[in-house]
Amino acid sequence: MAGTLLVPILNTRRYGTGTSGTFSTAIVTKPDGTEPWHGFILELPWKNNQRRVSCIPAGRYRARFRTPENTPAGLRTGVYELLDVPDRDGILVHVANKAEELLGCLAPGERVGVLPDQSGTPVGAVLASRDALEGLHRATGNAPEILVIIEWEPNVGERENAA
């Protein structure tokens, strides 16, 4: 992309993946270069980009803001929806704490920790997800569109194009 981007960017860098999910650091960068939000993102583990059970391929995705009245039932706040994900649709950035609460979407968190899964087994999780989503919205100003960049740290677990 030539020139200056005029939309906020959500940069995510996947640093770990396993049965608890795929964890990324996340930073929002505004067009003026400031970074008003830092947090974490939780996704499902990589399972060959299968719908509703896998994280999405690393890449650059446009995401559009969907107002609360245009979001799936149960979501009380606006969300960003990633566009043009290969072989996938309906990928949202929404509140969740554990991978079992996701169907291929991304959940922001203020920090990473451990919570019990449905069976009571401790699993990795993102914490303060609602606060993180609100912080992400403040940082982007609920811009109608943002750019989401998803990358992997080198040598991190099973993933697309892993050697």
N, C-alpha and C. Protein backbone atom coordinates (compact mmCIF):
# COMPACT_ATOMS: atom_id res chain seq x y z
N MET A 1 0.83 -1.18 0.00
CA MET A 1 0.00 0.00 0.00
C MET A 1 0.87 1.24 0.00
N ALA A 2 0.71 2.03 -0.99
CA ALA A 2 1.49 3.25 -1.09
C ALA A 2 0.79 4.36 -0.30
N GLY A 3 1.57 5.31 0.17
CA GLY A 3 0.98 6.44 0.86
C GLY A 3 0.68 6.16 2.32
N THR A 4 0.05 7.12 2.95
CA THR A 4 -0.28 7.04 4.36
C THR A 4 -1.67 6.44 4.53
N LEU A 5 -1.78 5.48 5.43
CA LEU A 5 -3.10 4.93 5.75
C LEU A 5 -3.87 5.93 6.57
N LEU A 6 -5.12 6.08 6.26
CA LEU A 6 -5.94 7.06 6.97
C LEU A 6 -6.94 6.38 7.88
N VAL A 7 -6.71 5.12 8.23
CA VAL A 7 -7.59 4.40 9.14
C VAL A 7 -6.76 3.85 10.29
N PRO A 8 -7.37 3.66 11.45
CA PRO A 8 -6.66 3.01 12.55
C PRO A 8 -6.28 1.58 12.16
N ILE A 9 -5.19 1.10 12.74
CA ILE A 9 -4.71 -0.26 12.48
C ILE A 9 -4.69 -1.04 13.78
N LEU A 10 -5.28 -2.23 13.77
CA LEU A 10 -5.18 -3.16 14.88
C LEU A 10 -4.11 -4.18 14.49
N ASN A 11 -2.92 -4.05 15.10
CA ASN A 11 -1.81 -4.95 14.84
C ASN A 11 -1.83 -6.08 15.87
N THR A 12 -1.89 -7.32 15.41
CA THR A 12 -1.84 -8.45 16.34
C THR A 12 -0.67 -9.34 15.96
N ARG A 13 0.00 -9.87 16.97
CA ARG A 13 1.15 -10.75 16.75
C ARG A 13 0.96 -11.99 17.62
N ARG A 14 0.67 -13.11 16.97
CA ARG A 14 0.42 -14.37 17.67
C ARG A 14 1.72 -14.90 18.27
N TYR A 15 1.69 -15.11 19.58
CA TYR A 15 2.89 -15.56 20.28
C TYR A 15 2.75 -16.94 20.89
N GLY A 16 1.53 -17.49 20.93
CA GLY A 16 1.34 -18.81 21.50
C GLY A 16 0.06 -19.45 21.02
N THR A 17 0.08 -20.76 20.86
CA THR A 17 -1.12 -21.47 20.45
C THR A 17 -1.10 -22.87 21.05
N GLY A 18 -2.27 -23.36 21.37
CA GLY A 18 -2.41 -24.69 21.95
C GLY A 18 -3.88 -24.98 22.19
N THR A 19 -4.17 -25.93 23.06
CA THR A 19 -5.56 -26.32 23.28
C THR A 19 -6.40 -25.20 23.89
N SER A 20 -5.77 -24.27 24.62
CA SER A 20 -6.51 -23.15 25.20
C SER A 20 -6.83 -22.07 24.18
N GLY A 21 -6.21 -22.13 23.00
CA GLY A 21 -6.45 -21.13 21.97
C GLY A 21 -5.16 -20.54 21.45
N THR A 22 -5.30 -19.52 20.64
CA THR A 22 -4.17 -18.79 20.06
C THR A 22 -4.16 -17.40 20.67
N PHE A 23 -3.03 -17.02 21.22
CA PHE A 23 -2.90 -15.74 21.93
C PHE A 23 -1.99 -14.79 21.17
N SER A 24 -2.42 -13.52 21.11
CA SER A 24 -1.67 -12.47 20.42
C SER A 24 -1.54 -11.25 21.31
N THR A 25 -0.46 -10.51 21.11
CA THR A 25 -0.41 -9.16 21.63
C THR A 25 -1.13 -8.29 20.61
N ALA A 26 -1.68 -7.17 21.04
CA ALA A 26 -2.45 -6.32 20.14
C ALA A 26 -2.19 -4.85 20.46
N ILE A 27 -2.06 -4.06 19.41
CA ILE A 27 -1.83 -2.62 19.54
C ILE A 27 -2.67 -1.92 18.48
N VAL A 28 -3.38 -0.87 18.88
CA VAL A 28 -4.05 0.00 17.91
C VAL A 28 -3.12 1.16 17.62
N THR A 29 -2.86 1.37 16.33
CA THR A 29 -2.07 2.51 15.87
C THR A 29 -2.98 3.42 15.07
N LYS A 30 -3.04 4.68 15.47
CA LYS A 30 -3.88 5.66 14.77
C LYS A 30 -3.09 6.27 13.60
N PRO A 31 -3.79 6.89 12.66
CA PRO A 31 -3.10 7.50 11.51
C PRO A 31 -2.01 8.51 11.90
N ASP A 32 -2.13 9.13 13.09
CA ASP A 32 -1.11 10.09 13.52
C ASP A 32 0.08 9.41 14.18
N GLY A 33 0.08 8.06 14.23
CA GLY A 33 1.21 7.30 14.78
C GLY A 33 1.09 6.98 16.26
N THR A 34 0.11 7.54 16.95
CA THR A 34 -0.05 7.23 18.37
C THR A 34 -0.60 5.81 18.54
N GLU A 35 -0.34 5.23 19.69
CA GLU A 35 -0.80 3.88 20.02
C GLU A 35 -1.65 3.94 21.29
N PRO A 36 -2.93 4.29 21.15
CA PRO A 36 -3.76 4.53 22.32
C PRO A 36 -4.28 3.28 23.03
N TRP A 37 -4.07 2.09 22.46
CA TRP A 37 -4.56 0.88 23.13
C TRP A 37 -3.59 -0.27 22.91
N HIS A 38 -3.27 -0.94 24.01
CA HIS A 38 -2.45 -2.16 23.99
C HIS A 38 -3.24 -3.21 24.74
N GLY A 39 -3.27 -4.41 24.23
CA GLY A 39 -3.98 -5.50 24.90
C GLY A 39 -3.59 -6.83 24.31
N PHE A 40 -4.53 -7.75 24.36
CA PHE A 40 -4.32 -9.11 23.87
C PHE A 40 -5.53 -9.54 23.05
N ILE A 41 -5.31 -10.53 22.20
CA ILE A 41 -6.39 -11.13 21.41
C ILE A 41 -6.33 -12.64 21.61
N LEU A 42 -7.51 -13.24 21.80
CA LEU A 42 -7.63 -14.70 21.87
C LEU A 42 -8.41 -15.17 20.66
N GLU A 43 -7.93 -16.24 20.05
CA GLU A 43 -8.62 -16.90 18.95
C GLU A 43 -8.58 -18.40 19.20
N LEU A 44 -9.26 -19.15 18.36
CA LEU A 44 -9.19 -20.60 18.41
C LEU A 44 -7.82 -21.06 17.92
N PRO A 45 -7.43 -22.31 18.21
CA PRO A 45 -6.19 -22.84 17.65
C PRO A 45 -6.30 -22.96 16.12
N TRP A 46 -5.17 -23.07 15.44
CA TRP A 46 -5.15 -23.24 13.99
C TRP A 46 -5.62 -24.65 13.64
N LYS A 47 -6.68 -24.73 12.85
CA LYS A 47 -7.18 -26.01 12.34
C LYS A 47 -7.52 -25.84 10.87
N ASN A 48 -6.49 -25.48 10.10
CA ASN A 48 -6.58 -25.37 8.64
C ASN A 48 -7.71 -24.47 8.17
N ASN A 49 -7.96 -23.40 8.87
CA ASN A 49 -8.96 -22.40 8.49
C ASN A 49 -10.37 -22.98 8.39
N GLN A 50 -10.66 -24.04 9.14
CA GLN A 50 -12.00 -24.60 9.13
C GLN A 50 -12.97 -23.63 9.79
N ARG A 51 -14.13 -23.45 9.15
CA ARG A 51 -15.14 -22.54 9.67
C ARG A 51 -15.54 -22.94 11.09
N ARG A 52 -15.62 -21.94 11.96
CA ARG A 52 -16.15 -22.05 13.31
C ARG A 52 -15.28 -22.86 14.29
N VAL A 53 -14.14 -23.42 13.84
CA VAL A 53 -13.28 -24.18 14.75
C VAL A 53 -11.81 -23.79 14.68
N SER A 54 -11.46 -22.86 13.79
CA SER A 54 -10.06 -22.49 13.58
C SER A 54 -9.90 -20.98 13.67
N CYS A 55 -8.69 -20.55 14.06
CA CYS A 55 -8.35 -19.14 13.88
C CYS A 55 -8.23 -18.89 12.38
N ILE A 56 -8.20 -17.65 11.99
CA ILE A 56 -8.14 -17.32 10.58
C ILE A 56 -6.68 -17.24 10.13
N PRO A 57 -6.43 -17.32 8.83
CA PRO A 57 -5.05 -17.20 8.35
C PRO A 57 -4.47 -15.83 8.69
N ALA A 58 -3.18 -15.82 8.94
CA ALA A 58 -2.50 -14.54 9.12
C ALA A 58 -2.67 -13.72 7.86
N GLY A 59 -2.72 -12.41 8.01
CA GLY A 59 -2.87 -11.55 6.84
C GLY A 59 -3.33 -10.16 7.21
N ARG A 60 -3.72 -9.42 6.20
CA ARG A 60 -4.21 -8.05 6.35
C ARG A 60 -5.67 -8.05 5.94
N TYR A 61 -6.53 -7.56 6.82
CA TYR A 61 -7.97 -7.58 6.57
C TYR A 61 -8.58 -6.22 6.87
N ARG A 62 -9.45 -5.78 5.98
CA ARG A 62 -10.28 -4.63 6.29
C ARG A 62 -11.33 -5.11 7.29
N ALA A 63 -11.72 -4.23 8.19
CA ALA A 63 -12.80 -4.56 9.13
C ALA A 63 -13.73 -3.37 9.20
N ARG A 64 -15.03 -3.64 9.16
CA ARG A 64 -16.01 -2.55 9.22
C ARG A 64 -16.69 -2.58 10.58
N PHE A 65 -17.05 -1.39 11.04
CA PHE A 65 -17.74 -1.27 12.32
C PHE A 65 -19.22 -1.57 12.13
N ARG A 66 -19.73 -2.43 12.97
CA ARG A 66 -21.16 -2.74 12.97
C ARG A 66 -21.75 -2.19 14.26
N THR A 67 -22.74 -1.33 14.13
CA THR A 67 -23.37 -0.72 15.29
C THR A 67 -24.15 -1.77 16.07
N PRO A 68 -24.46 -1.50 17.35
CA PRO A 68 -25.16 -2.50 18.17
C PRO A 68 -26.43 -3.05 17.52
N GLU A 69 -27.17 -2.20 16.83
CA GLU A 69 -28.42 -2.69 16.22
C GLU A 69 -28.15 -3.56 15.00
N ASN A 70 -26.91 -3.58 14.51
CA ASN A 70 -26.54 -4.41 13.36
C ASN A 70 -25.62 -5.57 13.75
N THR A 71 -25.67 -5.99 15.00
CA THR A 71 -24.83 -7.11 15.44
C THR A 71 -25.71 -8.30 15.80
N PRO A 72 -25.10 -9.49 15.86
CA PRO A 72 -25.88 -10.67 16.24
C PRO A 72 -26.51 -10.50 17.62
N ALA A 73 -27.61 -11.21 17.83
CA ALA A 73 -28.33 -11.17 19.12
C ALA A 73 -27.36 -11.46 20.26
N GLY A 74 -27.53 -10.75 21.34
CA GLY A 74 -26.71 -10.98 22.52
C GLY A 74 -25.50 -10.07 22.62
N LEU A 75 -25.09 -9.45 21.51
CA LEU A 75 -23.97 -8.52 21.56
C LEU A 75 -24.54 -7.12 21.79
N ARG A 76 -24.20 -6.54 22.94
CA ARG A 76 -24.79 -5.26 23.33
C ARG A 76 -23.96 -4.06 22.92
N THR A 77 -22.88 -4.29 22.24
CA THR A 77 -22.03 -3.19 21.82
C THR A 77 -21.68 -3.38 20.36
N GLY A 78 -21.23 -2.34 19.72
CA GLY A 78 -20.79 -2.48 18.34
C GLY A 78 -19.57 -3.39 18.26
N VAL A 79 -19.34 -3.94 17.09
CA VAL A 79 -18.21 -4.84 16.87
C VAL A 79 -17.60 -4.53 15.51
N TYR A 80 -16.35 -4.92 15.34
CA TYR A 80 -15.73 -4.89 14.03
C TYR A 80 -15.89 -6.27 13.40
N GLU A 81 -16.21 -6.29 12.11
CA GLU A 81 -16.32 -7.53 11.34
C GLU A 81 -15.22 -7.54 10.29
N LEU A 82 -14.38 -8.58 10.30
CA LEU A 82 -13.32 -8.70 9.32
C LEU A 82 -13.91 -9.08 7.98
N LEU A 83 -13.43 -8.46 6.92
CA LEU A 83 -13.93 -8.69 5.58
C LEU A 83 -12.90 -9.45 4.74
N ASP A 84 -13.39 -10.17 3.77
CA ASP A 84 -12.55 -10.85 2.78
C ASP A 84 -11.58 -11.86 3.39
N VAL A 85 -12.01 -12.53 4.47
CA VAL A 85 -11.21 -13.62 5.04
C VAL A 85 -11.42 -14.83 4.12
N PRO A 86 -10.35 -15.46 3.63
CA PRO A 86 -10.52 -16.58 2.69
C PRO A 86 -11.43 -17.68 3.25
N ASP A 87 -12.45 -18.01 2.48
CA ASP A 87 -13.38 -19.10 2.81
C ASP A 87 -14.12 -18.92 4.12
N ARG A 88 -14.20 -17.69 4.62
CA ARG A 88 -14.85 -17.45 5.90
C ARG A 88 -15.67 -16.17 5.84
N ASP A 89 -16.67 -16.07 6.73
CA ASP A 89 -17.41 -14.84 6.89
C ASP A 89 -17.89 -14.77 8.33
N GLY A 90 -18.43 -13.62 8.70
CA GLY A 90 -18.95 -13.45 10.05
C GLY A 90 -17.88 -13.46 11.13
N ILE A 91 -16.65 -13.08 10.81
CA ILE A 91 -15.56 -13.04 11.78
C ILE A 91 -15.62 -11.69 12.50
N LEU A 92 -15.95 -11.72 13.79
CA LEU A 92 -16.14 -10.51 14.58
C LEU A 92 -15.05 -10.37 15.63
N VAL A 93 -14.82 -9.15 16.06
CA VAL A 93 -14.02 -8.85 17.25
C VAL A 93 -15.04 -8.56 18.34
N HIS A 94 -15.21 -9.50 19.28
CA HIS A 94 -16.26 -9.36 20.29
C HIS A 94 -15.79 -9.86 21.65
N VAL A 95 -16.58 -9.57 22.66
CA VAL A 95 -16.29 -9.97 24.04
C VAL A 95 -16.35 -11.49 24.19
N ALA A 96 -15.32 -12.05 24.79
CA ALA A 96 -15.25 -13.47 25.19
C ALA A 96 -14.00 -13.60 26.04
N ASN A 97 -13.97 -14.63 26.86
CA ASN A 97 -12.79 -14.85 27.70
C ASN A 97 -12.02 -16.11 27.34
N LYS A 98 -12.74 -17.15 26.87
CA LYS A 98 -12.12 -18.45 26.59
C LYS A 98 -12.39 -18.84 25.14
N ALA A 99 -11.50 -19.66 24.59
CA ALA A 99 -11.65 -20.10 23.20
C ALA A 99 -12.97 -20.82 22.98
N GLU A 100 -13.47 -21.54 23.99
CA GLU A 100 -14.74 -22.27 23.84
C GLU A 100 -15.92 -21.33 23.61
N GLU A 101 -15.73 -20.04 23.84
CA GLU A 101 -16.79 -19.05 23.61
C GLU A 101 -16.71 -18.43 22.21
N LEU A 102 -15.78 -18.91 21.40
CA LEU A 102 -15.56 -18.34 20.07
C LEU A 102 -15.94 -19.34 18.99
N LEU A 103 -16.36 -18.82 17.87
CA LEU A 103 -16.67 -19.64 16.68
C LEU A 103 -15.85 -19.10 15.50
N GLY A 104 -14.56 -18.91 15.73
CA GLY A 104 -13.70 -18.39 14.69
C GLY A 104 -13.43 -16.91 14.80
N CYS A 105 -13.99 -16.26 15.81
CA CYS A 105 -13.85 -14.81 15.98
C CYS A 105 -12.62 -14.47 16.82
N LEU A 106 -12.45 -13.19 17.11
CA LEU A 106 -11.35 -12.68 17.91
C LEU A 106 -11.91 -12.02 19.16
N ALA A 107 -11.31 -12.33 20.31
CA ALA A 107 -11.74 -11.74 21.58
C ALA A 107 -10.61 -10.90 22.16
N PRO A 108 -10.86 -9.61 22.41
CA PRO A 108 -9.83 -8.78 23.03
C PRO A 108 -9.81 -8.97 24.55
N GLY A 109 -8.66 -8.74 25.15
CA GLY A 109 -8.53 -8.79 26.60
C GLY A 109 -7.53 -7.76 27.08
N GLU A 110 -7.71 -7.31 28.30
CA GLU A 110 -6.75 -6.37 28.90
C GLU A 110 -5.50 -7.11 29.38
N ARG A 111 -5.67 -8.37 29.77
CA ARG A 111 -4.55 -9.19 30.22
C ARG A 111 -4.87 -10.65 29.95
N VAL A 112 -3.88 -11.50 30.16
CA VAL A 112 -4.02 -12.94 29.95
C VAL A 112 -3.98 -13.61 31.32
N GLY A 113 -4.79 -14.65 31.48
CA GLY A 113 -4.81 -15.38 32.74
C GLY A 113 -5.38 -16.76 32.54
N VAL A 114 -5.96 -17.30 33.59
CA VAL A 114 -6.51 -18.65 33.58
C VAL A 114 -7.92 -18.60 34.15
N LEU A 115 -8.85 -19.30 33.50
CA LEU A 115 -10.22 -19.45 33.96
C LEU A 115 -10.63 -20.91 33.79
N PRO A 116 -11.64 -21.38 34.52
CA PRO A 116 -12.10 -22.75 34.31
C PRO A 116 -12.94 -22.87 33.04
N ASP A 117 -12.75 -23.98 32.30
CA ASP A 117 -13.60 -24.21 31.14
C ASP A 117 -14.92 -24.82 31.62
N GLN A 118 -15.77 -25.27 30.69
CA GLN A 118 -17.09 -25.80 31.05
C GLN A 118 -17.01 -26.99 31.99
N SER A 119 -15.91 -27.75 31.90
CA SER A 119 -15.76 -28.93 32.78
C SER A 119 -15.04 -28.59 34.08
N GLY A 120 -14.62 -27.33 34.23
CA GLY A 120 -13.91 -26.93 35.44
C GLY A 120 -12.40 -26.99 35.33
N THR A 121 -11.89 -27.42 34.19
CA THR A 121 -10.45 -27.50 33.97
C THR A 121 -9.90 -26.11 33.70
N PRO A 122 -8.80 -25.72 34.36
CA PRO A 122 -8.21 -24.40 34.10
C PRO A 122 -7.67 -24.31 32.67
N VAL A 123 -8.01 -23.22 31.98
CA VAL A 123 -7.51 -22.99 30.61
C VAL A 123 -7.04 -21.55 30.49
N GLY A 124 -6.16 -21.32 29.54
CA GLY A 124 -5.72 -19.97 29.25
C GLY A 124 -6.89 -19.13 28.78
N ALA A 125 -6.87 -17.84 29.12
CA ALA A 125 -7.99 -16.96 28.79
C ALA A 125 -7.50 -15.52 28.68
N VAL A 126 -8.31 -14.69 28.03
CA VAL A 126 -8.11 -13.25 28.12
C VAL A 126 -9.08 -12.74 29.17
N LEU A 127 -8.64 -11.76 29.93
CA LEU A 127 -9.42 -11.23 31.04
C LEU A 127 -9.81 -9.78 30.74
N ALA A 128 -10.88 -9.34 31.38
CA ALA A 128 -11.40 -7.98 31.20
C ALA A 128 -11.70 -7.71 29.72
N SER A 129 -12.37 -8.66 29.08
CA SER A 129 -12.66 -8.57 27.66
C SER A 129 -13.58 -7.39 27.33
N ARG A 130 -14.60 -7.17 28.14
CA ARG A 130 -15.52 -6.06 27.87
C ARG A 130 -14.77 -4.73 27.96
N ASP A 131 -13.92 -4.57 28.99
CA ASP A 131 -13.12 -3.35 29.11
C ASP A 131 -12.19 -3.20 27.91
N ALA A 132 -11.60 -4.31 27.46
CA ALA A 132 -10.69 -4.26 26.31
C ALA A 132 -11.42 -3.84 25.04
N LEU A 133 -12.62 -4.39 24.82
CA LEU A 133 -13.38 -4.01 23.63
C LEU A 133 -13.75 -2.53 23.68
N GLU A 134 -14.14 -2.05 24.85
CA GLU A 134 -14.45 -0.63 24.99
C GLU A 134 -13.20 0.22 24.73
N GLY A 135 -12.06 -0.23 25.22
CA GLY A 135 -10.80 0.49 24.98
C GLY A 135 -10.42 0.49 23.51
N LEU A 136 -10.63 -0.63 22.84
CA LEU A 136 -10.37 -0.71 21.41
C LEU A 136 -11.28 0.24 20.65
N HIS A 137 -12.55 0.29 21.04
CA HIS A 137 -13.49 1.22 20.39
C HIS A 137 -13.08 2.67 20.62
N ARG A 138 -12.67 3.00 21.85
CA ARG A 138 -12.22 4.38 22.12
C ARG A 138 -11.00 4.70 21.27
N ALA A 139 -10.07 3.75 21.19
CA ALA A 139 -8.82 3.97 20.45
C ALA A 139 -9.06 4.17 18.96
N THR A 140 -10.04 3.47 18.40
CA THR A 140 -10.33 3.61 16.97
C THR A 140 -11.35 4.70 16.71
N GLY A 141 -11.99 5.19 17.77
CA GLY A 141 -13.05 6.18 17.60
C GLY A 141 -14.26 5.60 16.88
N ASN A 142 -14.42 4.26 16.98
CA ASN A 142 -15.48 3.56 16.24
C ASN A 142 -15.44 3.93 14.76
N ALA A 143 -14.22 4.04 14.23
CA ALA A 143 -14.07 4.37 12.81
C ALA A 143 -14.88 3.40 11.97
N PRO A 144 -15.49 3.86 10.89
CA PRO A 144 -16.30 2.97 10.05
C PRO A 144 -15.50 1.80 9.51
N GLU A 145 -14.18 1.99 9.34
CA GLU A 145 -13.33 0.91 8.85
C GLU A 145 -11.96 1.01 9.50
N ILE A 146 -11.37 -0.14 9.81
CA ILE A 146 -10.00 -0.22 10.30
C ILE A 146 -9.28 -1.30 9.50
N LEU A 147 -7.97 -1.35 9.66
CA LEU A 147 -7.16 -2.41 9.08
C LEU A 147 -6.72 -3.31 10.22
N VAL A 148 -6.90 -4.62 10.05
CA VAL A 148 -6.45 -5.60 11.04
C VAL A 148 -5.30 -6.38 10.41
N ILE A 149 -4.15 -6.35 11.07
CA ILE A 149 -2.97 -7.09 10.61
C ILE A 149 -2.70 -8.20 11.60
N ILE A 150 -2.68 -9.43 11.12
CA ILE A 150 -2.45 -10.60 11.96
C ILE A 150 -1.17 -11.28 11.49
N GLU A 151 -0.22 -11.43 12.41
CA GLU A 151 1.06 -12.07 12.10
C GLU A 151 1.37 -13.12 13.18
N TRP A 152 2.25 -14.04 12.84
CA TRP A 152 2.75 -15.04 13.79
C TRP A 152 4.17 -14.69 14.19
N GLU A 153 4.50 -14.87 15.47
CA GLU A 153 5.90 -14.87 15.87
C GLU A 153 6.54 -16.09 15.20
N PRO A 154 7.81 -16.01 14.85
CA PRO A 154 8.47 -17.18 14.26
C PRO A 154 8.44 -18.38 15.20
N ASN A 155 8.31 -19.56 14.64
CA ASN A 155 8.40 -20.84 15.37
C ASN A 155 7.34 -21.01 16.45
N VAL A 156 6.13 -20.51 16.22
CA VAL A 156 5.06 -20.67 17.20
C VAL A 156 4.10 -21.75 16.72
N GLY A 157 4.18 -22.92 17.34
CA GLY A 157 3.20 -23.98 17.19
C GLY A 157 2.73 -24.32 15.80
N GLU A 158 1.68 -25.13 15.74
CA GLU A 158 1.08 -25.55 14.48
C GLU A 158 0.28 -24.38 13.91
N ARG A 159 0.56 -24.07 12.65
CA ARG A 159 -0.08 -22.93 12.00
C ARG A 159 0.06 -23.07 10.49
N GLU A 160 -0.64 -22.19 9.76
CA GLU A 160 -0.52 -22.23 8.32
C GLU A 160 0.92 -21.94 7.91
N ASN A 161 1.35 -22.60 6.87
CA ASN A 161 2.69 -22.42 6.31
C ASN A 161 3.82 -22.69 7.31
N ALA A 162 3.55 -23.48 8.35
CA ALA A 162 4.62 -23.80 9.31
C ALA A 162 5.60 -24.78 8.67
N ALA A 163 6.86 -24.58 8.95
CA ALA A 163 7.89 -25.46 8.38
C ALA A 163 7.94 -26.78 9.12
